[in-house]
PDB file of N, CA and C in Angstrom:
ATOM      1  N   MET A   1    -107.513-252.530 -93.332  1.00  0.00           N
ATOM      2  CA  MET A   1    -108.418-253.474 -92.716  1.00  0.00           C
ATOM      3  C   MET A   1    -107.819-254.869 -92.807  1.00  0.00           C
ATOM      4  N   VAL A   2    -107.951-255.631 -91.748  1.00  0.00           N
ATOM      5  CA  VAL A   2    -107.461-257.006 -91.710  1.00  0.00           C
ATOM      6  C   VAL A   2    -108.663-257.946 -91.675  1.00  0.00           C
ATOM      7  N   ARG A   3    -108.661-258.892 -92.576  1.00  0.00           N
ATOM      8  CA  ARG A   3    -109.713-259.912 -92.614  1.00  0.00           C
ATOM      9  C   ARG A   3    -109.076-261.242 -92.263  1.00  0.00           C
ATOM     10  N   LYS A   4    -109.835-262.100 -91.581  1.00  0.00           N
ATOM     11  CA  LYS A   4    -109.287-263.394 -91.165  1.00  0.00           C
ATOM     12  C   LYS A   4    -110.203-264.526 -91.594  1.00  0.00           C
ATOM     13  N   ILE A   5    -109.573-265.629 -91.949  1.00  0.00           N
ATOM     14  CA  ILE A   5    -110.281-266.873 -92.223  1.00  0.00           C
ATOM     15  C   ILE A   5    -109.683-267.927 -91.308  1.00  0.00           C
ATOM     16  N   ASP A   6    -110.496-268.486 -90.442  1.00  0.00           N
ATOM     17  CA  ASP A   6    -110.067-269.587 -89.580  1.00  0.00           C
ATOM     18  C   ASP A   6    -110.405-270.877 -90.314  1.00  0.00           C
ATOM     19  N   ALA A   7    -109.392-271.513 -90.881  1.00  0.00           N
ATOM     20  CA  ALA A   7    -109.592-272.731 -91.657  1.00  0.00           C
ATOM     21  C   ALA A   7    -109.052-273.950 -90.915  1.00  0.00           C
ATOM     22  N   LEU A   8    -108.944-273.853 -89.605  1.00  0.00           N
ATOM     23  CA  LEU A   8    -108.457-274.995 -88.829  1.00  0.00           C
ATOM     24  C   LEU A   8    -109.417-276.173 -89.013  1.00  0.00           C
ATOM     25  N   GLY A   9    -108.854-277.305 -89.376  1.00  0.00           N
ATOM     26  CA  GLY A   9    -109.649-278.509 -89.573  1.00  0.00           C
ATOM     27  C   GLY A   9    -110.279-278.622 -90.953  1.00  0.00           C
ATOM     28  N   GLU A  10    -110.163-277.594 -91.774  1.00  0.00           N
ATOM     29  CA  GLU A  10    -110.748-277.632 -93.112  1.00  0.00           C
ATOM     30  C   GLU A  10    -109.704-278.066 -94.127  1.00  0.00           C
ATOM     31  N   MET A  11    -110.122-278.923 -95.036  1.00  0.00           N
ATOM     32  CA  MET A  11    -109.211-279.445 -96.051  1.00  0.00           C
ATOM     33  C   MET A  11    -109.475-278.765 -97.385  1.00  0.00           C
ATOM     34  N   CYS A  12    -108.509-278.887 -98.290  1.00  0.00           N
ATOM     35  CA  CYS A  12    -108.650-278.330 -99.640  1.00  0.00           C
ATOM     36  C   CYS A  12    -109.874-278.936-100.320  1.00  0.00           C
ATOM     37  N   PRO A  13    -110.551-278.157-101.100  1.00  0.00           N
ATOM     38  CA  PRO A  13    -110.288-276.798-101.538  1.00  0.00           C
ATOM     39  C   PRO A  13    -111.066-275.725-100.759  1.00  0.00           C
ATOM     40  N   ILE A  14    -111.721-276.093 -99.670  1.00  0.00           N
ATOM     41  CA  ILE A  14    -112.594-275.162 -98.944  1.00  0.00           C
ATOM     42  C   ILE A  14    -111.869-273.864 -98.546  1.00  0.00           C
ATOM     43  N   PRO A  15    -110.700-273.907 -97.891  1.00  0.00           N
ATOM     44  CA  PRO A  15    -110.031-272.654 -97.524  1.00  0.00           C
ATOM     45  C   PRO A  15    -109.655-271.792 -98.733  1.00  0.00           C
ATOM     46  N   LEU A  16    -109.261-272.420 -99.828  1.00  0.00           N
ATOM     47  CA  LEU A  16    -108.913-271.669-101.029  1.00  0.00           C
ATOM     48  C   LEU A  16    -110.148-270.982-101.606  1.00  0.00           C
ATOM     49  N   ILE A  17    -111.261-271.656-101.620  1.00  0.00           N
ATOM     50  CA  ILE A  17    -112.507-271.053-102.115  1.00  0.00           C
ATOM     51  C   ILE A  17    -112.882-269.855-101.251  1.00  0.00           C
ATOM     52  N   LYS A  18    -112.792-270.003 -99.936  1.00  0.00           N
ATOM     53  CA  LYS A  18    -113.086-268.890 -99.028  1.00  0.00           C
ATOM     54  C   LYS A  18    -112.125-267.728 -99.255  1.00  0.00           C
ATOM     55  N   ALA A  19    -110.847-268.031 -99.435  1.00  0.00           N
ATOM     56  CA  ALA A  19    -109.843-266.982 -99.651  1.00  0.00           C
ATOM     57  C   ALA A  19    -110.107-266.233-100.954  1.00  0.00           C
ATOM     58  N   LYS A  20    -110.488-266.945-102.008  1.00  0.00           N
ATOM     59  CA  LYS A  20    -110.806-266.298-103.285  1.00  0.00           C
ATOM     60  C   LYS A  20    -111.969-265.325-103.122  1.00  0.00           C
ATOM     61  N   GLU A  21    -113.006-265.760-102.395  1.00  0.00           N
ATOM     62  CA  GLU A  21    -114.191-264.921-102.200  1.00  0.00           C
ATOM     63  C   GLU A  21    -113.852-263.651-101.422  1.00  0.00           C
ATOM     64  N   VAL A  22    -113.067-263.783-100.359  1.00  0.00           N
ATOM     65  CA  VAL A  22    -112.698-262.617 -99.548  1.00  0.00           C
ATOM     66  C   VAL A  22    -111.771-261.702-100.341  1.00  0.00           C
ATOM     67  N   TYR A  23    -110.790-262.270-101.017  1.00  0.00           N
ATOM     68  CA  TYR A  23    -109.827-261.470-101.788  1.00  0.00           C
ATOM     69  C   TYR A  23    -110.533-260.631-102.855  1.00  0.00           C
ATOM     70  N   ALA A  24    -111.550-261.178-103.475  1.00  0.00           N
ATOM     71  CA  ALA A  24    -112.278-260.461-104.522  1.00  0.00           C
ATOM     72  C   ALA A  24    -112.947-259.194-103.986  1.00  0.00           C
ATOM     73  N   LYS A  25    -113.244-259.163-102.689  1.00  0.00           N
ATOM     74  CA  LYS A  25    -113.915-258.014-102.068  1.00  0.00           C
ATOM     75  C   LYS A  25    -112.935-257.023-101.437  1.00  0.00           C
ATOM     76  N   MET A  26    -111.660-257.364-101.423  1.00  0.00           N
ATOM     77  CA  MET A  26    -110.670-256.534-100.752  1.00  0.00           C
ATOM     78  C   MET A  26    -110.231-255.355-101.609  1.00  0.00           C
ATOM     79  N   MET A  27    -109.877-254.276-100.929  1.00  0.00           N
ATOM     80  CA  MET A  27    -109.319-253.099-101.581  1.00  0.00           C
ATOM     81  C   MET A  27    -107.787-253.179-101.491  1.00  0.00           C
ATOM     82  N   GLU A  28    -107.120-252.310-102.239  1.00  0.00           N
ATOM     83  CA  GLU A  28    -105.658-252.267-102.220  1.00  0.00           C
ATOM     84  C   GLU A  28    -105.150-252.027-100.805  1.00  0.00           C
ATOM     85  N   SER A  29    -104.091-252.702-100.428  1.00  0.00           N
ATOM     86  CA  SER A  29    -103.413-252.624 -99.130  1.00  0.00           C
ATOM     87  C   SER A  29    -104.147-253.324 -97.993  1.00  0.00           C
ATOM     88  N   GLU A  30    -105.299-253.922 -98.267  1.00  0.00           N
ATOM     89  CA  GLU A  30    -105.968-254.698 -97.228  1.00  0.00           C
ATOM     90  C   GLU A  30    -105.234-256.018 -97.033  1.00  0.00           C
ATOM     91  N   ILE A  31    -105.416-256.597 -95.861  1.00  0.00           N
ATOM     92  CA  ILE A  31    -104.700-257.810 -95.482  1.00  0.00           C
ATOM     93  C   ILE A  31    -105.697-258.927 -95.204  1.00  0.00           C
ATOM     94  N   LEU A  32    -105.367-260.108 -95.698  1.00  0.00           N
ATOM     95  CA  LEU A  32    -106.132-261.318 -95.412  1.00  0.00           C
ATOM     96  C   LEU A  32    -105.205-262.292 -94.707  1.00  0.00           C
ATOM     97  N   ILE A  33    -105.652-262.813 -93.576  1.00  0.00           N
ATOM     98  CA  ILE A  33    -104.885-263.816 -92.840  1.00  0.00           C
ATOM     99  C   ILE A  33    -105.701-265.100 -92.803  1.00  0.00           C
ATOM    100  N   ILE A  34    -105.086-266.175 -93.262  1.00  0.00           N
ATOM    101  CA  ILE A  34    -105.714-267.488 -93.249  1.00  0.00           C
ATOM    102  C   ILE A  34    -104.952-268.352 -92.256  1.00  0.00           C
ATOM    103  N   ILE A  35    -105.663-268.968 -91.333  1.00  0.00           N
ATOM    104  CA  ILE A  35    -105.058-269.845 -90.339  1.00  0.00           C
ATOM    105  C   ILE A  35    -105.453-271.276 -90.695  1.00  0.00           C
ATOM    106  N   THR A  36    -104.456-272.142 -90.827  1.00  0.00           N
ATOM    107  CA  THR A  36    -104.722-273.516 -91.242  1.00  0.00           C
ATOM    108  C   THR A  36    -103.810-274.496 -90.511  1.00  0.00           C
ATOM    109  N   ASP A  37    -104.264-275.728 -90.456  1.00  0.00           N
ATOM    110  CA  ASP A  37    -103.439-276.797 -89.888  1.00  0.00           C
ATOM    111  C   ASP A  37    -103.192-277.916 -90.907  1.00  0.00           C
ATOM    112  N   HIS A  38    -103.358-277.577 -92.188  1.00  0.00           N
ATOM    113  CA  HIS A  38    -103.105-278.540 -93.258  1.00  0.00           C
ATOM    114  C   HIS A  38    -102.088-277.959 -94.233  1.00  0.00           C
ATOM    115  N   SER A  39    -100.988-278.664 -94.433  1.00  0.00           N
ATOM    116  CA  SER A  39     -99.932-278.160 -95.318  1.00  0.00           C
ATOM    117  C   SER A  39    -100.399-278.052 -96.766  1.00  0.00           C
ATOM    118  N   CYS A  40    -101.365-278.883 -97.176  1.00  0.00           N
ATOM    119  CA  CYS A  40    -101.865-278.795 -98.555  1.00  0.00           C
ATOM    120  C   CYS A  40    -102.584-277.464 -98.784  1.00  0.00           C
ATOM    121  N   VAL A  41    -103.214-276.923 -97.752  1.00  0.00           N
ATOM    122  CA  VAL A  41    -103.873-275.622 -97.856  1.00  0.00           C
ATOM    123  C   VAL A  41    -102.826-274.541 -98.084  1.00  0.00           C
ATOM    124  N   VAL A  42    -101.731-274.617 -97.353  1.00  0.00           N
ATOM    125  CA  VAL A  42    -100.647-273.644 -97.514  1.00  0.00           C
ATOM    126  C   VAL A  42    -100.154-273.663 -98.959  1.00  0.00           C
ATOM    127  N   SER A  43     -99.883-274.825 -99.469  1.00  0.00           N
ATOM    128  CA  SER A  43     -99.372-274.953-100.839  1.00  0.00           C
ATOM    129  C   SER A  43    -100.358-274.427-101.869  1.00  0.00           C
ATOM    130  N   SER A  44    -101.621-274.797-101.735  1.00  0.00           N
ATOM    131  CA  SER A  44    -102.602-274.387-102.747  1.00  0.00           C
ATOM    132  C   SER A  44    -102.834-272.879-102.725  1.00  0.00           C
ATOM    133  N   ILE A  45    -102.847-272.276-101.545  1.00  0.00           N
ATOM    134  CA  ILE A  45    -103.059-270.827-101.457  1.00  0.00           C
ATOM    135  C   ILE A  45    -101.854-270.073-102.010  1.00  0.00           C
ATOM    136  N   ILE A  46    -100.661-270.495-101.656  1.00  0.00           N
ATOM    137  CA  ILE A  46     -99.460-269.831-102.176  1.00  0.00           C
ATOM    138  C   ILE A  46     -99.395-269.980-103.696  1.00  0.00           C
ATOM    139  N   ASP A  47     -99.664-271.163-104.217  1.00  0.00           N
ATOM    140  CA  ASP A  47     -99.640-271.385-105.667  1.00  0.00           C
ATOM    141  C   ASP A  47    -100.675-270.525-106.386  1.00  0.00           C
ATOM    142  N   TYR A  48    -101.867-270.406-105.833  1.00  0.00           N
ATOM    143  CA  TYR A  48    -102.922-269.627-106.478  1.00  0.00           C
ATOM    144  C   TYR A  48    -102.607-268.133-106.471  1.00  0.00           C
ATOM    145  N   PHE A  49    -102.215-267.601-105.319  1.00  0.00           N
ATOM    146  CA  PHE A  49    -102.053-266.154-105.191  1.00  0.00           C
ATOM    147  C   PHE A  49    -100.734-265.623-105.747  1.00  0.00           C
ATOM    148  N   LYS A  50     -99.810-266.490-106.132  1.00  0.00           N
ATOM    149  CA  LYS A  50     -98.567-265.991-106.725  1.00  0.00           C
ATOM    150  C   LYS A  50     -98.810-265.387-108.103  1.00  0.00           C
ATOM    151  N   HIS A  51     -99.982-265.611-108.679  1.00  0.00           N
ATOM    152  CA  HIS A  51    -100.320-265.067-109.993  1.00  0.00           C
ATOM    153  C   HIS A  51    -100.983-263.693-109.912  1.00  0.00           C
ATOM    154  N   PHE A  52    -101.134-263.170-108.702  1.00  0.00           N
ATOM    155  CA  PHE A  52    -101.778-261.873-108.498  1.00  0.00           C
ATOM    156  C   PHE A  52    -100.756-260.850-108.018  1.00  0.00           C
ATOM    157  N   LYS A  53    -101.140-259.594-108.128  1.00  0.00           N
ATOM    158  CA  LYS A  53    -100.280-258.521-107.635  1.00  0.00           C
ATOM    159  C   LYS A  53    -100.539-258.382-106.127  1.00  0.00           C
ATOM    160  N   CYS A  54     -99.922-259.262-105.368  1.00  0.00           N
ATOM    161  CA  CYS A  54    -100.091-259.240-103.919  1.00  0.00           C
ATOM    162  C   CYS A  54     -98.845-259.837-103.270  1.00  0.00           C
ATOM    163  N   GLU A  55     -98.718-259.595-101.997  1.00  0.00           N
ATOM    164  CA  GLU A  55     -97.616-260.149-101.222  1.00  0.00           C
ATOM    165  C   GLU A  55     -98.163-261.307-100.396  1.00  0.00           C
ATOM    166  N   VAL A  56     -97.499-262.449-100.449  1.00  0.00           N
ATOM    167  CA  VAL A  56     -97.935-263.627 -99.701  1.00  0.00           C
ATOM    168  C   VAL A  56     -96.798-264.049 -98.779  1.00  0.00           C
ATOM    169  N   ILE A  57     -97.106-264.099 -97.483  1.00  0.00           N
ATOM    170  CA  ILE A  57     -96.113-264.480 -96.479  1.00  0.00           C
ATOM    171  C   ILE A  57     -96.705-265.605 -95.641  1.00  0.00           C
ATOM    172  N   MET A  58     -95.916-266.640 -95.389  1.00  0.00           N
ATOM    173  CA  MET A  58     -96.382-267.772 -94.616  1.00  0.00           C
ATOM    174  C   MET A  58     -95.522-267.908 -93.368  1.00  0.00           C
ATOM    175  N   TYR A  59     -96.185-268.113 -92.228  1.00  0.00           N
ATOM    176  CA  TYR A  59     -95.502-268.344 -90.952  1.00  0.00           C
ATOM    177  C   TYR A  59     -96.034-269.636 -90.344  1.00  0.00           C
ATOM    178  N   GLU A  60     -95.153-270.453 -89.820  1.00  0.00           N
ATOM    179  CA  GLU A  60     -95.610-271.591 -89.017  1.00  0.00           C
ATOM    180  C   GLU A  60     -95.600-271.107 -87.568  1.00  0.00           C
ATOM    181  N   VAL A  61     -96.775-270.760 -87.047  1.00  0.00           N
ATOM    182  CA  VAL A  61     -96.878-270.121 -85.733  1.00  0.00           C
ATOM    183  C   VAL A  61     -96.626-271.102 -84.596  1.00  0.00           C
ATOM    184  N   ILE A  62     -97.081-272.314 -84.750  1.00  0.00           N
ATOM    185  CA  ILE A  62     -96.707-273.424 -83.870  1.00  0.00           C
ATOM    186  C   ILE A  62     -96.576-274.652 -84.761  1.00  0.00           C
ATOM    187  N   ASN A  63     -96.012-275.701 -84.254  1.00  0.00           N
ATOM    188  CA  ASN A  63     -95.783-276.889 -85.056  1.00  0.00           C
ATOM    189  C   ASN A  63     -97.101-277.392 -85.653  1.00  0.00           C
ATOM    190  N   GLY A  64     -97.197-277.352 -86.983  1.00  0.00           N
ATOM    191  CA  GLY A  64     -98.374-277.856 -87.672  1.00  0.00           C
ATOM    192  C   GLY A  64     -99.506-276.862 -87.848  1.00  0.00           C
ATOM    193  N   VAL A  65     -99.302-275.601 -87.467  1.00  0.00           N
ATOM    194  CA  VAL A  65    -100.313-274.556 -87.670  1.00  0.00           C
ATOM    195  C   VAL A  65     -99.644-273.376 -88.364  1.00  0.00           C
ATOM    196  N   TRP A  66    -100.242-272.957 -89.489  1.00  0.00           N
ATOM    197  CA  TRP A  66     -99.674-271.878 -90.298  1.00  0.00           C
ATOM    198  C   TRP A  66    -100.625-270.698 -90.385  1.00  0.00           C
ATOM    199  N   GLU A  67    -100.029-269.514 -90.511  1.00  0.00           N
ATOM    200  CA  GLU A  67    -100.758-268.299 -90.866  1.00  0.00           C
ATOM    201  C   GLU A  67    -100.223-267.857 -92.221  1.00  0.00           C
ATOM    202  N   ILE A  68    -101.146-267.632 -93.133  1.00  0.00           N
ATOM    203  CA  ILE A  68    -100.784-267.141 -94.464  1.00  0.00           C
ATOM    204  C   ILE A  68    -101.319-265.717 -94.539  1.00  0.00           C
ATOM    205  N   LYS A  69    -100.424-264.773 -94.757  1.00  0.00           N
ATOM    206  CA  LYS A  69    -100.789-263.364 -94.830  1.00  0.00           C
ATOM    207  C   LYS A  69    -100.729-262.931 -96.294  1.00  0.00           C
ATOM    208  N   ILE A  70    -101.848-262.398 -96.783  1.00  0.00           N
ATOM    209  CA  ILE A  70    -101.930-261.908 -98.156  1.00  0.00           C
ATOM    210  C   ILE A  70    -102.236-260.430 -98.093  1.00  0.00           C
ATOM    211  N   VAL A  71    -101.351-259.624 -98.682  1.00  0.00           N
ATOM    212  CA  VAL A  71    -101.543-258.174 -98.732  1.00  0.00           C
ATOM    213  C   VAL A  71    -101.871-257.820-100.183  1.00  0.00           C
ATOM    214  N   ARG A  72    -103.055-257.308-100.403  1.00  0.00           N
ATOM    215  CA  ARG A  72    -103.464-256.975-101.773  1.00  0.00           C
ATOM    216  C   ARG A  72    -102.697-255.767-102.275  1.00  0.00           C
ATOM    217  N   GLY A  73    -102.137-255.898-103.467  1.00  0.00           N
ATOM    218  CA  GLY A  73    -101.325-254.831-104.045  1.00  0.00           C
ATOM    219  C   GLY A  73    -102.110-253.931-104.947  1.00  0.00           C
TER     220      GLY A  73
END
């Protein structure tokens, strides 16, 4: 199952709080995609989730817009 959070226009810590809530409900191998246009959101999410057993991949899909993919391990 793929879950998405559209965090366009939202600043820290709102997207991180939303990501924590969704991640807590996810099962193994589920995917969470967060879409953001703030680089601070990218940094805070990557820093937070590096402490979990999950895969975190970041793509800049267009200039200034990122997708962060988190696969729960």
